N, C-alpha and C. Protein backbone atom coordinates (compact mmCIF):
# COMPACT_ATOMS: atom_id res chain seq x y z
N MET A 1 27.40 -12.77 11.67
CA MET A 1 25.96 -12.87 11.55
C MET A 1 25.31 -11.57 11.98
N ALA A 2 24.02 -11.50 11.81
CA ALA A 2 23.29 -10.26 12.05
C ALA A 2 23.01 -10.01 13.53
N ARG A 3 22.93 -8.72 13.87
CA ARG A 3 22.48 -8.28 15.19
C ARG A 3 21.02 -7.86 15.04
N LEU A 4 20.13 -8.58 15.71
CA LEU A 4 18.70 -8.37 15.54
C LEU A 4 18.05 -7.98 16.85
N TYR A 5 16.91 -7.29 16.73
CA TYR A 5 16.10 -6.90 17.89
C TYR A 5 14.68 -7.34 17.58
N ALA A 6 14.22 -8.42 18.26
CA ALA A 6 12.89 -8.97 18.02
C ALA A 6 11.86 -8.24 18.86
N ASP A 7 10.82 -7.73 18.20
CA ASP A 7 9.79 -7.01 18.96
C ASP A 7 8.98 -7.99 19.80
N GLU A 8 8.08 -7.44 20.59
CA GLU A 8 7.41 -8.21 21.64
C GLU A 8 6.57 -9.38 21.11
N GLN A 9 5.97 -9.24 19.95
CA GLN A 9 5.09 -10.29 19.42
C GLN A 9 5.83 -11.32 18.58
N PHE A 10 7.11 -11.10 18.34
CA PHE A 10 7.83 -12.01 17.45
C PHE A 10 7.97 -13.38 18.11
N PRO A 11 7.70 -14.47 17.36
CA PRO A 11 7.69 -15.82 17.94
C PRO A 11 9.04 -16.22 18.55
N ARG A 12 8.99 -16.59 19.81
CA ARG A 12 10.22 -16.97 20.54
C ARG A 12 10.89 -18.20 19.92
N VAL A 13 10.11 -19.11 19.39
CA VAL A 13 10.68 -20.30 18.74
C VAL A 13 11.59 -19.89 17.58
N VAL A 14 11.15 -18.91 16.80
CA VAL A 14 11.95 -18.45 15.66
C VAL A 14 13.22 -17.76 16.16
N VAL A 15 13.11 -17.00 17.24
CA VAL A 15 14.30 -16.38 17.84
C VAL A 15 15.33 -17.46 18.17
N ASN A 16 14.88 -18.52 18.83
CA ASN A 16 15.80 -19.60 19.21
C ASN A 16 16.40 -20.31 18.00
N LEU A 17 15.60 -20.52 16.98
CA LEU A 17 16.11 -21.14 15.75
C LEU A 17 17.16 -20.26 15.08
N LEU A 18 16.92 -18.95 15.05
CA LEU A 18 17.89 -18.03 14.46
C LEU A 18 19.17 -17.96 15.29
N ARG A 19 19.03 -18.03 16.59
CA ARG A 19 20.23 -18.07 17.44
C ARG A 19 21.06 -19.31 17.15
N ALA A 20 20.38 -20.43 16.94
CA ALA A 20 21.09 -21.68 16.63
C ALA A 20 21.85 -21.57 15.31
N LEU A 21 21.39 -20.67 14.43
CA LEU A 21 22.07 -20.42 13.16
C LEU A 21 23.18 -19.39 13.29
N GLY A 22 23.38 -18.87 14.51
CA GLY A 22 24.50 -17.97 14.77
C GLY A 22 24.17 -16.50 14.86
N HIS A 23 22.89 -16.13 14.81
CA HIS A 23 22.53 -14.72 14.86
C HIS A 23 22.47 -14.21 16.30
N ASP A 24 22.85 -12.96 16.48
CA ASP A 24 22.83 -12.28 17.78
C ASP A 24 21.48 -11.58 17.89
N ILE A 25 20.59 -12.14 18.71
CA ILE A 25 19.24 -11.59 18.82
C ILE A 25 18.97 -11.17 20.26
N LEU A 26 18.50 -9.95 20.40
CA LEU A 26 18.01 -9.43 21.67
C LEU A 26 16.51 -9.28 21.51
N THR A 27 15.75 -9.77 22.48
CA THR A 27 14.29 -9.61 22.41
C THR A 27 13.88 -8.42 23.28
N VAL A 28 12.70 -7.90 23.01
CA VAL A 28 12.15 -6.83 23.83
C VAL A 28 12.08 -7.28 25.30
N GLN A 29 11.71 -8.53 25.50
CA GLN A 29 11.61 -9.06 26.86
C GLN A 29 12.98 -9.05 27.55
N GLU A 30 14.00 -9.49 26.84
CA GLU A 30 15.35 -9.54 27.42
C GLU A 30 15.90 -8.14 27.69
N ALA A 31 15.44 -7.16 26.93
CA ALA A 31 15.87 -5.78 27.13
C ALA A 31 15.12 -5.12 28.28
N GLY A 32 14.22 -5.87 28.93
CA GLY A 32 13.47 -5.34 30.07
C GLY A 32 12.34 -4.41 29.69
N LYS A 33 11.82 -4.58 28.47
CA LYS A 33 10.79 -3.67 27.98
C LYS A 33 9.47 -4.37 27.68
N ALA A 34 9.27 -5.56 28.23
CA ALA A 34 8.05 -6.32 27.97
C ALA A 34 6.86 -5.73 28.69
N ASN A 35 5.69 -5.89 28.10
CA ASN A 35 4.41 -5.49 28.69
C ASN A 35 4.36 -4.02 29.10
N GLN A 36 5.03 -3.17 28.34
CA GLN A 36 5.04 -1.74 28.65
C GLN A 36 4.35 -0.92 27.57
N ARG A 37 3.78 -1.59 26.59
CA ARG A 37 3.08 -0.90 25.49
C ARG A 37 3.97 0.18 24.85
N ILE A 38 5.20 -0.20 24.60
CA ILE A 38 6.17 0.73 24.01
C ILE A 38 5.79 0.98 22.55
N PRO A 39 5.70 2.23 22.15
CA PRO A 39 5.35 2.54 20.76
C PRO A 39 6.39 1.98 19.79
N ASP A 40 5.93 1.64 18.61
CA ASP A 40 6.83 1.10 17.59
C ASP A 40 7.99 2.04 17.29
N GLU A 41 7.73 3.33 17.34
CA GLU A 41 8.79 4.32 17.11
C GLU A 41 9.91 4.15 18.12
N ASP A 42 9.55 3.84 19.36
CA ASP A 42 10.55 3.65 20.41
C ASP A 42 11.28 2.32 20.26
N VAL A 43 10.59 1.32 19.77
CA VAL A 43 11.24 0.04 19.47
C VAL A 43 12.32 0.27 18.41
N LEU A 44 11.96 1.00 17.36
CA LEU A 44 12.93 1.30 16.30
C LEU A 44 14.07 2.15 16.84
N ALA A 45 13.77 3.14 17.65
CA ALA A 45 14.81 4.00 18.22
C ALA A 45 15.80 3.19 19.06
N PHE A 46 15.28 2.26 19.87
CA PHE A 46 16.16 1.41 20.67
C PHE A 46 17.06 0.57 19.77
N ALA A 47 16.49 0.00 18.71
CA ALA A 47 17.26 -0.81 17.78
C ALA A 47 18.35 0.02 17.10
N ILE A 48 18.01 1.24 16.72
CA ILE A 48 18.99 2.13 16.08
C ILE A 48 20.13 2.41 17.06
N ALA A 49 19.79 2.75 18.30
CA ALA A 49 20.80 3.09 19.31
C ALA A 49 21.73 1.90 19.59
N ASP A 50 21.20 0.68 19.47
CA ASP A 50 22.00 -0.52 19.74
C ASP A 50 22.52 -1.17 18.46
N ASN A 51 22.35 -0.48 17.34
CA ASN A 51 22.80 -0.96 16.03
C ASN A 51 22.28 -2.38 15.73
N ARG A 52 20.97 -2.53 15.88
CA ARG A 52 20.33 -3.81 15.61
C ARG A 52 19.22 -3.64 14.57
N THR A 53 19.01 -4.67 13.79
CA THR A 53 17.93 -4.72 12.82
C THR A 53 16.67 -5.21 13.51
N VAL A 54 15.57 -4.50 13.33
CA VAL A 54 14.30 -4.90 13.94
C VAL A 54 13.75 -6.12 13.21
N LEU A 55 13.23 -7.05 13.99
CA LEU A 55 12.61 -8.26 13.47
C LEU A 55 11.17 -8.27 13.99
N THR A 56 10.19 -8.26 13.07
CA THR A 56 8.80 -8.07 13.49
C THR A 56 7.81 -8.77 12.56
N ILE A 57 6.65 -9.09 13.13
CA ILE A 57 5.52 -9.53 12.30
C ILE A 57 4.50 -8.40 12.17
N ASN A 58 4.82 -7.26 12.74
CA ASN A 58 3.98 -6.06 12.68
C ASN A 58 4.32 -5.31 11.39
N ARG A 59 3.93 -5.88 10.29
CA ARG A 59 4.35 -5.39 8.98
C ARG A 59 3.94 -3.95 8.68
N SER A 60 2.67 -3.66 8.78
CA SER A 60 2.19 -2.35 8.31
C SER A 60 2.82 -1.20 9.09
N ASP A 61 2.91 -1.33 10.40
CA ASP A 61 3.47 -0.23 11.20
C ASP A 61 4.96 -0.02 10.91
N PHE A 62 5.70 -1.10 10.75
CA PHE A 62 7.13 -0.94 10.51
C PHE A 62 7.46 -0.57 9.07
N ILE A 63 6.61 -0.93 8.14
CA ILE A 63 6.78 -0.43 6.77
C ILE A 63 6.54 1.08 6.76
N ARG A 64 5.50 1.51 7.49
CA ARG A 64 5.23 2.95 7.62
C ARG A 64 6.43 3.66 8.26
N LEU A 65 6.98 3.07 9.32
CA LEU A 65 8.14 3.68 9.98
C LEU A 65 9.34 3.75 9.04
N HIS A 66 9.56 2.70 8.27
CA HIS A 66 10.66 2.72 7.30
C HIS A 66 10.48 3.87 6.30
N ASN A 67 9.25 4.05 5.84
CA ASN A 67 8.99 5.12 4.87
C ASN A 67 9.15 6.51 5.47
N SER A 68 8.83 6.65 6.74
CA SER A 68 8.94 7.98 7.38
C SER A 68 10.31 8.22 7.99
N GLN A 69 11.03 7.14 8.30
CA GLN A 69 12.35 7.26 8.92
C GLN A 69 13.27 6.23 8.27
N PRO A 70 13.74 6.51 7.06
CA PRO A 70 14.48 5.50 6.30
C PRO A 70 15.91 5.25 6.78
N ARG A 71 16.38 5.99 7.78
CA ARG A 71 17.74 5.78 8.30
C ARG A 71 17.65 4.96 9.58
N HIS A 72 18.08 3.70 9.47
CA HIS A 72 18.03 2.78 10.60
C HIS A 72 19.00 1.64 10.33
N ALA A 73 19.08 0.69 11.24
CA ALA A 73 20.00 -0.44 11.09
C ALA A 73 19.35 -1.60 10.36
N GLY A 74 18.17 -1.38 9.80
CA GLY A 74 17.46 -2.41 9.05
C GLY A 74 16.17 -2.80 9.74
N ILE A 75 15.21 -3.20 8.93
CA ILE A 75 13.92 -3.69 9.42
C ILE A 75 13.56 -4.91 8.60
N ILE A 76 13.24 -6.00 9.29
CA ILE A 76 12.77 -7.21 8.63
C ILE A 76 11.32 -7.43 9.06
N VAL A 77 10.41 -7.34 8.10
CA VAL A 77 8.99 -7.54 8.39
C VAL A 77 8.58 -8.90 7.83
N CYS A 78 7.89 -9.67 8.66
CA CYS A 78 7.54 -11.05 8.30
C CYS A 78 6.04 -11.25 8.30
N THR A 79 5.58 -12.06 7.37
CA THR A 79 4.22 -12.56 7.40
C THR A 79 4.17 -13.65 8.47
N GLU A 80 3.11 -13.67 9.26
CA GLU A 80 2.96 -14.74 10.26
C GLU A 80 2.99 -16.09 9.55
N ASP A 81 3.83 -16.99 10.04
CA ASP A 81 3.94 -18.32 9.46
C ASP A 81 4.02 -19.31 10.60
N LEU A 82 3.06 -20.20 10.69
CA LEU A 82 3.04 -21.20 11.77
C LEU A 82 4.12 -22.25 11.60
N ASN A 83 4.69 -22.33 10.40
CA ASN A 83 5.84 -23.21 10.19
C ASN A 83 7.07 -22.40 10.60
N ARG A 84 7.41 -22.50 11.88
CA ARG A 84 8.47 -21.67 12.45
C ARG A 84 9.84 -21.95 11.84
N GLN A 85 10.10 -23.22 11.54
CA GLN A 85 11.38 -23.57 10.92
C GLN A 85 11.52 -22.89 9.55
N ARG A 86 10.45 -22.92 8.76
CA ARG A 86 10.48 -22.28 7.45
C ARG A 86 10.70 -20.78 7.59
N LEU A 87 10.03 -20.15 8.55
CA LEU A 87 10.20 -18.72 8.76
C LEU A 87 11.64 -18.40 9.14
N ALA A 88 12.21 -19.16 10.06
CA ALA A 88 13.60 -18.93 10.47
C ALA A 88 14.56 -19.11 9.29
N THR A 89 14.31 -20.13 8.48
CA THR A 89 15.16 -20.37 7.31
C THR A 89 15.06 -19.22 6.31
N GLN A 90 13.85 -18.73 6.07
CA GLN A 90 13.68 -17.61 5.14
C GLN A 90 14.40 -16.36 5.65
N ILE A 91 14.29 -16.08 6.93
CA ILE A 91 14.97 -14.92 7.50
C ILE A 91 16.47 -15.09 7.38
N HIS A 92 16.97 -16.25 7.76
CA HIS A 92 18.41 -16.53 7.69
C HIS A 92 18.93 -16.35 6.27
N GLU A 93 18.21 -16.90 5.30
CA GLU A 93 18.64 -16.76 3.91
C GLU A 93 18.63 -15.31 3.45
N ALA A 94 17.61 -14.55 3.84
CA ALA A 94 17.54 -13.14 3.46
C ALA A 94 18.71 -12.36 4.05
N ILE A 95 19.02 -12.63 5.32
CA ILE A 95 20.13 -11.94 5.98
C ILE A 95 21.46 -12.33 5.32
N THR A 96 21.62 -13.61 5.06
CA THR A 96 22.85 -14.12 4.47
C THR A 96 23.07 -13.54 3.08
N ASN A 97 22.00 -13.32 2.35
CA ASN A 97 22.11 -12.81 0.98
C ASN A 97 22.17 -11.30 0.89
N THR A 98 22.14 -10.60 2.03
CA THR A 98 22.20 -9.14 2.04
C THR A 98 23.49 -8.72 2.73
N VAL A 99 24.35 -8.04 2.01
CA VAL A 99 25.66 -7.66 2.54
C VAL A 99 25.52 -6.72 3.73
N ASP A 100 24.69 -5.71 3.60
CA ASP A 100 24.54 -4.70 4.64
C ASP A 100 23.05 -4.42 4.83
N LEU A 101 22.57 -4.58 6.06
CA LEU A 101 21.15 -4.37 6.34
C LEU A 101 20.79 -2.91 6.61
N THR A 102 21.79 -2.05 6.73
CA THR A 102 21.56 -0.65 7.06
C THR A 102 20.57 0.00 6.09
N ASN A 103 19.55 0.60 6.66
CA ASN A 103 18.51 1.34 5.92
C ASN A 103 17.66 0.47 5.01
N LYS A 104 17.78 -0.84 5.12
CA LYS A 104 17.02 -1.73 4.24
C LYS A 104 15.74 -2.20 4.92
N LEU A 105 14.70 -2.36 4.12
CA LEU A 105 13.46 -2.99 4.54
C LEU A 105 13.40 -4.33 3.81
N ILE A 106 13.41 -5.40 4.57
CA ILE A 106 13.37 -6.75 3.98
C ILE A 106 12.02 -7.36 4.33
N ARG A 107 11.35 -7.88 3.31
CA ARG A 107 10.03 -8.48 3.50
C ARG A 107 10.16 -10.00 3.37
N ILE A 108 9.70 -10.68 4.40
CA ILE A 108 9.67 -12.14 4.40
C ILE A 108 8.19 -12.55 4.31
N ASN A 109 7.84 -13.18 3.21
CA ASN A 109 6.45 -13.57 2.98
C ASN A 109 6.28 -15.08 3.08
N ARG A 110 5.22 -15.49 3.74
CA ARG A 110 4.87 -16.90 3.83
C ARG A 110 4.52 -17.40 2.43
N PRO A 111 5.09 -18.51 2.04
CA PRO A 111 4.75 -19.05 0.71
C PRO A 111 3.27 -19.41 0.63
N SER A 112 2.68 -19.20 -0.52
CA SER A 112 1.28 -19.59 -0.69
C SER A 112 1.28 -21.00 -1.29
N ASN A 113 0.74 -21.93 -0.56
CA ASN A 113 0.72 -23.33 -1.04
C ASN A 113 -0.66 -23.69 -1.46
């Protein structure tokens, strides 16, 4: 399964659901970097150094980072979805359907109902 690094705003419920599906997730909080106003560039750098794919709802900033620094262990940008189970399932399916996340930008969009 995937090695992920969830940024500070990423929903903890989704982290736990993804862990239950077998994914290895480290959160910013668990890495001892909570409430430090760490720039997104540093979040990405930490993920690269630890060979983890960034998991974020901060879409615009991480899409910009992907475009300016396309060499990374992967970035998954998500639309905020209050249906946490659906969000976890969409992420899991995207990861499962992608052989290698290296240098990839994966967009998870909330379905429009």
